Amino acid sequence: MSAEQKITAAPPDGLPTYRLLTGPDDATFCHRVSEAIALGYKLYGSPAATFNGQQVIVAQAIIWPSIESAIAERKT
């Protein structure tokens, strides 16, 4: 993220503050996660993977930084 970009209280374009990205474990999925990080999202937890009989399916939760403190408070 460049110095000009600022994290706002809400994600751009009406996106939710919590998202679970899922899909086949391929370059397209990796690009989706990378694009979300470039927007300002942060990874939340470890990725998950499963095999559906044909391909590996992965999932990665991401959060908008403005909700990070609320999540931390609930854990204590």
PDB file of N, CA and C in Angstrom:
ATOM      1  N   MET A   1       0.851  -1.171   0.000  1.00  0.00           N
ATOM      2  CA  MET A   1       0.000   0.000   0.000  1.00  0.00           C
ATOM      3  C   MET A   1       0.889   1.223   0.000  1.00  0.00           C
ATOM      4  N   SER A   2       0.574   2.170  -0.818  1.00  0.00           N
ATOM      5  CA  SER A   2       1.396   3.373  -0.924  1.00  0.00           C
ATOM      6  C   SER A   2       1.092   4.316   0.235  1.00  0.00           C
ATOM      7  N   ALA A   3       1.965   5.289   0.420  1.00  0.00           N
ATOM      8  CA  ALA A   3       1.799   6.258   1.501  1.00  0.00           C
ATOM      9  C   ALA A   3       0.526   7.078   1.318  1.00  0.00           C
ATOM     10  N   GLU A   4       0.070   7.235   0.078  1.00  0.00           N
ATOM     11  CA  GLU A   4      -1.130   8.031  -0.178  1.00  0.00           C
ATOM     12  C   GLU A   4      -2.409   7.299   0.216  1.00  0.00           C
ATOM     13  N   GLN A   5      -2.372   5.970   0.208  1.00  0.00           N
ATOM     14  CA  GLN A   5      -3.567   5.204   0.530  1.00  0.00           C
ATOM     15  C   GLN A   5      -3.752   5.159   2.038  1.00  0.00           C
ATOM     16  N   LYS A   6      -4.968   5.356   2.490  1.00  0.00           N
ATOM     17  CA  LYS A   6      -5.281   5.342   3.898  1.00  0.00           C
ATOM     18  C   LYS A   6      -6.358   4.303   4.150  1.00  0.00           C
ATOM     19  N   ILE A   7      -6.202   3.552   5.228  1.00  0.00           N
ATOM     20  CA  ILE A   7      -7.238   2.590   5.588  1.00  0.00           C
ATOM     21  C   ILE A   7      -8.396   3.367   6.213  1.00  0.00           C
ATOM     22  N   THR A   8      -9.574   3.166   5.679  1.00  0.00           N
ATOM     23  CA  THR A   8     -10.759   3.838   6.186  1.00  0.00           C
ATOM     24  C   THR A   8     -11.502   2.901   7.134  1.00  0.00           C
ATOM     25  N   ALA A   9     -12.532   3.418   7.781  1.00  0.00           N
ATOM     26  CA  ALA A   9     -13.307   2.614   8.717  1.00  0.00           C
ATOM     27  C   ALA A   9     -14.037   1.476   8.017  1.00  0.00           C
ATOM     28  N   ALA A  10     -14.336   1.644   6.751  1.00  0.00           N
ATOM     29  CA  ALA A  10     -15.069   0.622   6.004  1.00  0.00           C
ATOM     30  C   ALA A  10     -14.346   0.313   4.699  1.00  0.00           C
ATOM     31  N   PRO A  11     -14.455  -0.917   4.253  1.00  0.00           N
ATOM     32  CA  PRO A  11     -13.836  -1.271   2.974  1.00  0.00           C
ATOM     33  C   PRO A  11     -14.479  -0.509   1.812  1.00  0.00           C
ATOM     34  N   PRO A  12     -13.777  -0.427   0.692  1.00  0.00           N
ATOM     35  CA  PRO A  12     -14.330   0.282  -0.469  1.00  0.00           C
ATOM     36  C   PRO A  12     -15.453  -0.499  -1.142  1.00  0.00           C
ATOM     37  N   ASP A  13     -16.223   0.196  -1.931  1.00  0.00           N
ATOM     38  CA  ASP A  13     -17.245  -0.405  -2.797  1.00  0.00           C
ATOM     39  C   ASP A  13     -18.289  -1.238  -2.047  1.00  0.00           C
ATOM     40  N   GLY A  14     -18.525  -0.916  -0.776  1.00  0.00           N
ATOM     41  CA  GLY A  14     -19.544  -1.629  -0.018  1.00  0.00           C
ATOM     42  C   GLY A  14     -19.176  -3.061   0.348  1.00  0.00           C
ATOM     43  N   LEU A  15     -17.906  -3.411   0.234  1.00  0.00           N
ATOM     44  CA  LEU A  15     -17.477  -4.764   0.595  1.00  0.00           C
ATOM     45  C   LEU A  15     -17.629  -4.968   2.102  1.00  0.00           C
ATOM     46  N   PRO A  16     -17.859  -6.206   2.548  1.00  0.00           N
ATOM     47  CA  PRO A  16     -18.014  -6.460   3.982  1.00  0.00           C
ATOM     48  C   PRO A  16     -16.671  -6.391   4.709  1.00  0.00           C
ATOM     49  N   THR A  17     -16.727  -6.173   6.030  1.00  0.00           N
ATOM     50  CA  THR A  17     -15.496  -6.094   6.817  1.00  0.00           C
ATOM     51  C   THR A  17     -14.878  -7.473   7.037  1.00  0.00           C
ATOM     52  N   TYR A  18     -15.678  -8.522   6.960  1.00  0.00           N
ATOM     53  CA  TYR A  18     -15.179  -9.896   7.058  1.00  0.00           C
ATOM     54  C   TYR A  18     -15.521 -10.611   5.768  1.00  0.00           C
ATOM     55  N   ARG A  19     -14.546 -11.311   5.223  1.00  0.00           N
ATOM     56  CA  ARG A  19     -14.799 -12.089   4.004  1.00  0.00           C
ATOM     57  C   ARG A  19     -14.101 -13.429   4.123  1.00  0.00           C
ATOM     58  N   LEU A  20     -14.689 -14.443   3.546  1.00  0.00           N
ATOM     59  CA  LEU A  20     -14.065 -15.757   3.443  1.00  0.00           C
ATOM     60  C   LEU A  20     -13.912 -16.050   1.957  1.00  0.00           C
ATOM     61  N   LEU A  21     -12.671 -15.993   1.502  1.00  0.00           N
ATOM     62  CA  LEU A  21     -12.388 -16.266   0.090  1.00  0.00           C
ATOM     63  C   LEU A  21     -12.181 -17.765  -0.064  1.00  0.00           C
ATOM     64  N   THR A  22     -12.820 -18.363  -1.059  1.00  0.00           N
ATOM     65  CA  THR A  22     -12.690 -19.795  -1.303  1.00  0.00           C
ATOM     66  C   THR A  22     -12.501 -20.042  -2.788  1.00  0.00           C
ATOM     67  N   GLY A  23     -11.928 -21.193  -3.094  1.00  0.00           N
ATOM     68  CA  GLY A  23     -11.783 -21.568  -4.489  1.00  0.00           C
ATOM     69  C   GLY A  23     -10.721 -22.624  -4.669  1.00  0.00           C
ATOM     70  N   PRO A  24     -10.550 -23.086  -5.894  1.00  0.00           N
ATOM     71  CA  PRO A  24      -9.490 -24.052  -6.185  1.00  0.00           C
ATOM     72  C   PRO A  24      -8.125 -23.450  -5.845  1.00  0.00           C
ATOM     73  N   ASP A  25      -7.216 -24.285  -5.400  1.00  0.00           N
ATOM     74  CA  ASP A  25      -5.863 -23.841  -5.056  1.00  0.00           C
ATOM     75  C   ASP A  25      -5.078 -23.620  -6.337  1.00  0.00           C
ATOM     76  N   ASP A  26      -5.224 -22.417  -6.882  1.00  0.00           N
ATOM     77  CA  ASP A  26      -4.540 -22.082  -8.130  1.00  0.00           C
ATOM     78  C   ASP A  26      -4.114 -20.620  -8.113  1.00  0.00           C
ATOM     79  N   ALA A  27      -3.511 -20.180  -9.195  1.00  0.00           N
ATOM     80  CA  ALA A  27      -3.022 -18.802  -9.283  1.00  0.00           C
ATOM     81  C   ALA A  27      -4.159 -17.796  -9.160  1.00  0.00           C
ATOM     82  N   THR A  28      -5.325 -18.115  -9.680  1.00  0.00           N
ATOM     83  CA  THR A  28      -6.460 -17.199  -9.599  1.00  0.00           C
ATOM     84  C   THR A  28      -6.834 -16.929  -8.154  1.00  0.00           C
ATOM     85  N   PHE A  29      -6.880 -17.986  -7.337  1.00  0.00           N
ATOM     86  CA  PHE A  29      -7.192 -17.803  -5.916  1.00  0.00           C
ATOM     87  C   PHE A  29      -6.124 -16.936  -5.252  1.00  0.00           C
ATOM     88  N   CYS A  30      -4.865 -17.225  -5.519  1.00  0.00           N
ATOM     89  CA  CYS A  30      -3.765 -16.450  -4.928  1.00  0.00           C
ATOM     90  C   CYS A  30      -3.862 -14.981  -5.322  1.00  0.00           C
ATOM     91  N   HIS A  31      -4.248 -14.705  -6.562  1.00  0.00           N
ATOM     92  CA  HIS A  31      -4.422 -13.322  -7.009  1.00  0.00           C
ATOM     93  C   HIS A  31      -5.574 -12.648  -6.263  1.00  0.00           C
ATOM     94  N   ARG A  32      -6.658 -13.379  -6.019  1.00  0.00           N
ATOM     95  CA  ARG A  32      -7.795 -12.808  -5.284  1.00  0.00           C
ATOM     96  C   ARG A  32      -7.383 -12.404  -3.870  1.00  0.00           C
ATOM     97  N   VAL A  33      -6.627 -13.272  -3.200  1.00  0.00           N
ATOM     98  CA  VAL A  33      -6.153 -12.953  -1.852  1.00  0.00           C
ATOM     99  C   VAL A  33      -5.198 -11.767  -1.914  1.00  0.00           C
ATOM    100  N   SER A  34      -4.285 -11.776  -2.863  1.00  0.00           N
ATOM    101  CA  SER A  34      -3.323 -10.672  -3.004  1.00  0.00           C
ATOM    102  C   SER A  34      -4.025  -9.346  -3.285  1.00  0.00           C
ATOM    103  N   GLU A  35      -5.059  -9.359  -4.110  1.00  0.00           N
ATOM    104  CA  GLU A  35      -5.807  -8.136  -4.411  1.00  0.00           C
ATOM    105  C   GLU A  35      -6.514  -7.614  -3.166  1.00  0.00           C
ATOM    106  N   ALA A  36      -7.060  -8.521  -2.359  1.00  0.00           N
ATOM    107  CA  ALA A  36      -7.724  -8.095  -1.122  1.00  0.00           C
ATOM    108  C   ALA A  36      -6.719  -7.458  -0.168  1.00  0.00           C
ATOM    109  N   ILE A  37      -5.542  -8.036  -0.061  1.00  0.00           N
ATOM    110  CA  ILE A  37      -4.496  -7.464   0.790  1.00  0.00           C
ATOM    111  C   ILE A  37      -4.094  -6.084   0.264  1.00  0.00           C
ATOM    112  N   ALA A  38      -3.974  -5.949  -1.031  1.00  0.00           N
ATOM    113  CA  ALA A  38      -3.615  -4.660  -1.631  1.00  0.00           C
ATOM    114  C   ALA A  38      -4.679  -3.596  -1.347  1.00  0.00           C
ATOM    115  N   LEU A  39      -5.948  -4.005  -1.228  1.00  0.00           N
ATOM    116  CA  LEU A  39      -7.024  -3.067  -0.892  1.00  0.00           C
ATOM    117  C   LEU A  39      -6.929  -2.594   0.550  1.00  0.00           C
ATOM    118  N   GLY A  40      -6.298  -3.412   1.405  1.00  0.00           N
ATOM    119  CA  GLY A  40      -6.182  -3.055   2.818  1.00  0.00           C
ATOM    120  C   GLY A  40      -6.644  -4.125   3.777  1.00  0.00           C
ATOM    121  N   TYR A  41      -7.208  -5.226   3.269  1.00  0.00           N
ATOM    122  CA  TYR A  41      -7.627  -6.331   4.141  1.00  0.00           C
ATOM    123  C   TYR A  41      -6.400  -6.987   4.769  1.00  0.00           C
ATOM    124  N   LYS A  42      -6.617  -7.640   5.919  1.00  0.00           N
ATOM    125  CA  LYS A  42      -5.565  -8.390   6.589  1.00  0.00           C
ATOM    126  C   LYS A  42      -5.995  -9.849   6.658  1.00  0.00           C
ATOM    127  N   LEU A  43      -5.024 -10.751   6.577  1.00  0.00           N
ATOM    128  CA  LEU A  43      -5.329 -12.168   6.735  1.00  0.00           C
ATOM    129  C   LEU A  43      -5.830 -12.398   8.155  1.00  0.00           C
ATOM    130  N   TYR A  44      -6.819 -13.274   8.300  1.00  0.00           N
ATOM    131  CA  TYR A  44      -7.368 -13.597   9.614  1.00  0.00           C
ATOM    132  C   TYR A  44      -7.333 -15.105   9.771  1.00  0.00           C
ATOM    133  N   GLY A  45      -6.442 -15.577  10.605  1.00  0.00           N
ATOM    134  CA  GLY A  45      -6.311 -17.005  10.818  1.00  0.00           C
ATOM    135  C   GLY A  45      -5.538 -17.676   9.694  1.00  0.00           C
ATOM    136  N   SER A  46      -5.417 -18.967   9.837  1.00  0.00           N
ATOM    137  CA  SER A  46      -4.684 -19.771   8.861  1.00  0.00           C
ATOM    138  C   SER A  46      -5.592 -20.174   7.711  1.00  0.00           C
ATOM    139  N   PRO A  47      -5.021 -20.438   6.558  1.00  0.00           N
ATOM    140  CA  PRO A  47      -5.841 -20.942   5.454  1.00  0.00           C
ATOM    141  C   PRO A  47      -6.296 -22.370   5.761  1.00  0.00           C
ATOM    142  N   ALA A  48      -7.351 -22.777   5.114  1.00  0.00           N
ATOM    143  CA  ALA A  48      -7.860 -24.146   5.229  1.00  0.00           C
ATOM    144  C   ALA A  48      -7.856 -24.773   3.850  1.00  0.00           C
ATOM    145  N   ALA A  49      -7.703 -26.085   3.804  1.00  0.00           N
ATOM    146  CA  ALA A  49      -7.698 -26.788   2.519  1.00  0.00           C
ATOM    147  C   ALA A  49      -8.427 -28.108   2.656  1.00  0.00           C
ATOM    148  N   THR A  50      -9.088 -28.490   1.579  1.00  0.00           N
ATOM    149  CA  THR A  50      -9.752 -29.784   1.524  1.00  0.00           C
ATOM    150  C   THR A  50      -9.656 -30.299   0.096  1.00  0.00           C
ATOM    151  N   PHE A  51      -9.920 -31.570  -0.078  1.00  0.00           N
ATOM    152  CA  PHE A  51      -9.901 -32.171  -1.410  1.00  0.00           C
ATOM    153  C   PHE A  51     -11.314 -32.628  -1.735  1.00  0.00           C
ATOM    154  N   ASN A  52     -11.846 -32.203  -2.863  1.00  0.00           N
ATOM    155  CA  ASN A  52     -13.229 -32.530  -3.216  1.00  0.00           C
ATOM    156  C   ASN A  52     -13.341 -33.746  -4.153  1.00  0.00           C
ATOM    157  N   GLY A  53     -12.252 -34.495  -4.280  1.00  0.00           N
ATOM    158  CA  GLY A  53     -12.256 -35.657  -5.164  1.00  0.00           C
ATOM    159  C   GLY A  53     -11.642 -35.367  -6.521  1.00  0.00           C
ATOM    160  N   GLN A  54     -11.534 -34.101  -6.851  1.00  0.00           N
ATOM    161  CA  GLN A  54     -10.946 -33.701  -8.126  1.00  0.00           C
ATOM    162  C   GLN A  54      -9.816 -32.698  -7.962  1.00  0.00           C
ATOM    163  N   GLN A  55      -9.975 -31.771  -6.996  1.00  0.00           N
ATOM    164  CA  GLN A  55      -8.971 -30.732  -6.816  1.00  0.00           C
ATOM    165  C   GLN A  55      -8.942 -30.262  -5.365  1.00  0.00           C
ATOM    166  N   VAL A  56      -7.868 -29.599  -5.003  1.00  0.00           N
ATOM    167  CA  VAL A  56      -7.758 -29.012  -3.674  1.00  0.00           C
ATOM    168  C   VAL A  56      -8.524 -27.694  -3.671  1.00  0.00           C
ATOM    169  N   ILE A  57      -9.391 -27.523  -2.677  1.00  0.00           N
ATOM    170  CA  ILE A  57     -10.159 -26.298  -2.485  1.00  0.00           C
ATOM    171  C   ILE A  57      -9.613 -25.621  -1.229  1.00  0.00           C
ATOM    172  N   VAL A  58      -9.336 -24.337  -1.323  1.00  0.00           N
ATOM    173  CA  VAL A  58      -8.764 -23.600  -0.202  1.00  0.00           C
ATOM    174  C   VAL A  58      -9.695 -22.475   0.235  1.00  0.00           C
ATOM    175  N   ALA A  59      -9.486 -22.039   1.469  1.00  0.00           N
ATOM    176  CA  ALA A  59     -10.257 -20.935   2.032  1.00  0.00           C
ATOM    177  C   ALA A  59      -9.324 -20.072   2.863  1.00  0.00           C
ATOM    178  N   GLN A  60      -9.525 -18.765   2.784  1.00  0.00           N
ATOM    179  CA  GLN A  60      -8.760 -17.831   3.615  1.00  0.00           C
ATOM    180  C   GLN A  60      -9.685 -16.726   4.089  1.00  0.00           C
ATOM    181  N   ALA A  61      -9.774 -16.568   5.403  1.00  0.00           N
ATOM    182  CA  ALA A  61     -10.556 -15.478   5.970  1.00  0.00           C
ATOM    183  C   ALA A  61      -9.710 -14.215   5.943  1.00  0.00           C
ATOM    184  N   ILE A  62     -10.378 -13.090   5.668  1.00  0.00           N
ATOM    185  CA  ILE A  62      -9.728 -11.788   5.689  1.00  0.00           C
ATOM    186  C   ILE A  62     -10.641 -10.818   6.426  1.00  0.00           C
ATOM    187  N   ILE A  63     -10.023  -9.833   7.096  1.00  0.00           N
ATOM    188  CA  ILE A  63     -10.801  -8.820   7.813  1.00  0.00           C
ATOM    189  C   ILE A  63     -10.300  -7.433   7.447  1.00  0.00           C
ATOM    190  N   TRP A  64     -11.198  -6.466   7.584  1.00  0.00           N
ATOM    191  CA  TRP A  64     -10.824  -5.079   7.420  1.00  0.00           C
ATOM    192  C   TRP A  64     -10.242  -4.618   8.753  1.00  0.00           C
ATOM    193  N   PRO A  65      -9.122  -3.901   8.754  1.00  0.00           N
ATOM    194  CA  PRO A  65      -8.445  -3.546  10.005  1.00  0.00           C
ATOM    195  C   PRO A  65      -9.311  -2.841  11.043  1.00  0.00           C
ATOM    196  N   SER A  66     -10.342  -2.130  10.640  1.00  0.00           N
ATOM    197  CA  SER A  66     -11.170  -1.395  11.605  1.00  0.00           C
ATOM    198  C   SER A  66     -11.911  -2.316  12.574  1.00  0.00           C
ATOM    199  N   ILE A  67     -12.073  -3.597  12.260  1.00  0.00           N
ATOM    200  CA  ILE A  67     -12.769  -4.509  13.179  1.00  0.00           C
ATOM    201  C   ILE A  67     -11.796  -5.362  13.989  1.00  0.00           C
ATOM    202  N   GLU A  68     -10.508  -5.180  13.781  1.00  0.00           N
ATOM    203  CA  GLU A  68      -9.507  -6.000  14.452  1.00  0.00           C
ATOM    204  C   GLU A  68      -9.578  -5.865  15.976  1.00  0.00           C
ATOM    205  N   SER A  69      -9.749  -4.654  16.491  1.00  0.00           N
ATOM    206  CA  SER A  69      -9.804  -4.473  17.948  1.00  0.00           C
ATOM    207  C   SER A  69     -11.066  -5.101  18.530  1.00  0.00           C
ATOM    208  N   ALA A  70     -12.180  -5.054  17.801  1.00  0.00           N
ATOM    209  CA  ALA A  70     -13.416  -5.677  18.286  1.00  0.00           C
ATOM    210  C   ALA A  70     -13.249  -7.187  18.383  1.00  0.00           C
ATOM    211  N   ILE A  71     -12.539  -7.776  17.450  1.00  0.00           N
ATOM    212  CA  ILE A  71     -12.290  -9.217  17.477  1.00  0.00           C
ATOM    213  C   ILE A  71     -11.400  -9.561  18.666  1.00  0.00           C
ATOM    214  N   ALA A  72     -10.374  -8.755  18.894  1.00  0.00           N
ATOM    215  CA  ALA A  72      -9.441  -8.996  19.999  1.00  0.00           C
ATOM    216  C   ALA A  72     -10.172  -8.908  21.340  1.00  0.00           C
ATOM    217  N   GLU A  73     -11.084  -7.961  21.496  1.00  0.00           N
ATOM    218  CA  GLU A  73     -11.847  -7.803  22.735  1.00  0.00           C
ATOM    219  C   GLU A  73     -12.718  -9.024  23.013  1.00  0.00           C
ATOM    220  N   ARG A  74     -13.285  -9.615  21.999  1.00  0.00           N
ATOM    221  CA  ARG A  74     -14.142 -10.783  22.188  1.00  0.00           C
ATOM    222  C   ARG A  74     -13.371 -12.019  22.592  1.00  0.00           C
ATOM    223  N   LYS A  75     -12.081 -12.059  22.236  1.00  0.00           N
ATOM    224  CA  LYS A  75     -11.247 -13.209  22.570  1.00  0.00           C
ATOM    225  C   LYS A  75     -10.818 -13.198  24.030  1.00  0.00           C
ATOM    226  N   THR A  76     -10.891 -12.043  24.694  1.00  0.00           N
ATOM    227  CA  THR A  76     -10.431 -11.962  26.085  1.00  0.00           C
ATOM    228  C   THR A  76     -11.564 -12.114  27.056  1.00  0.00           C
TER     229      THR A  76
END
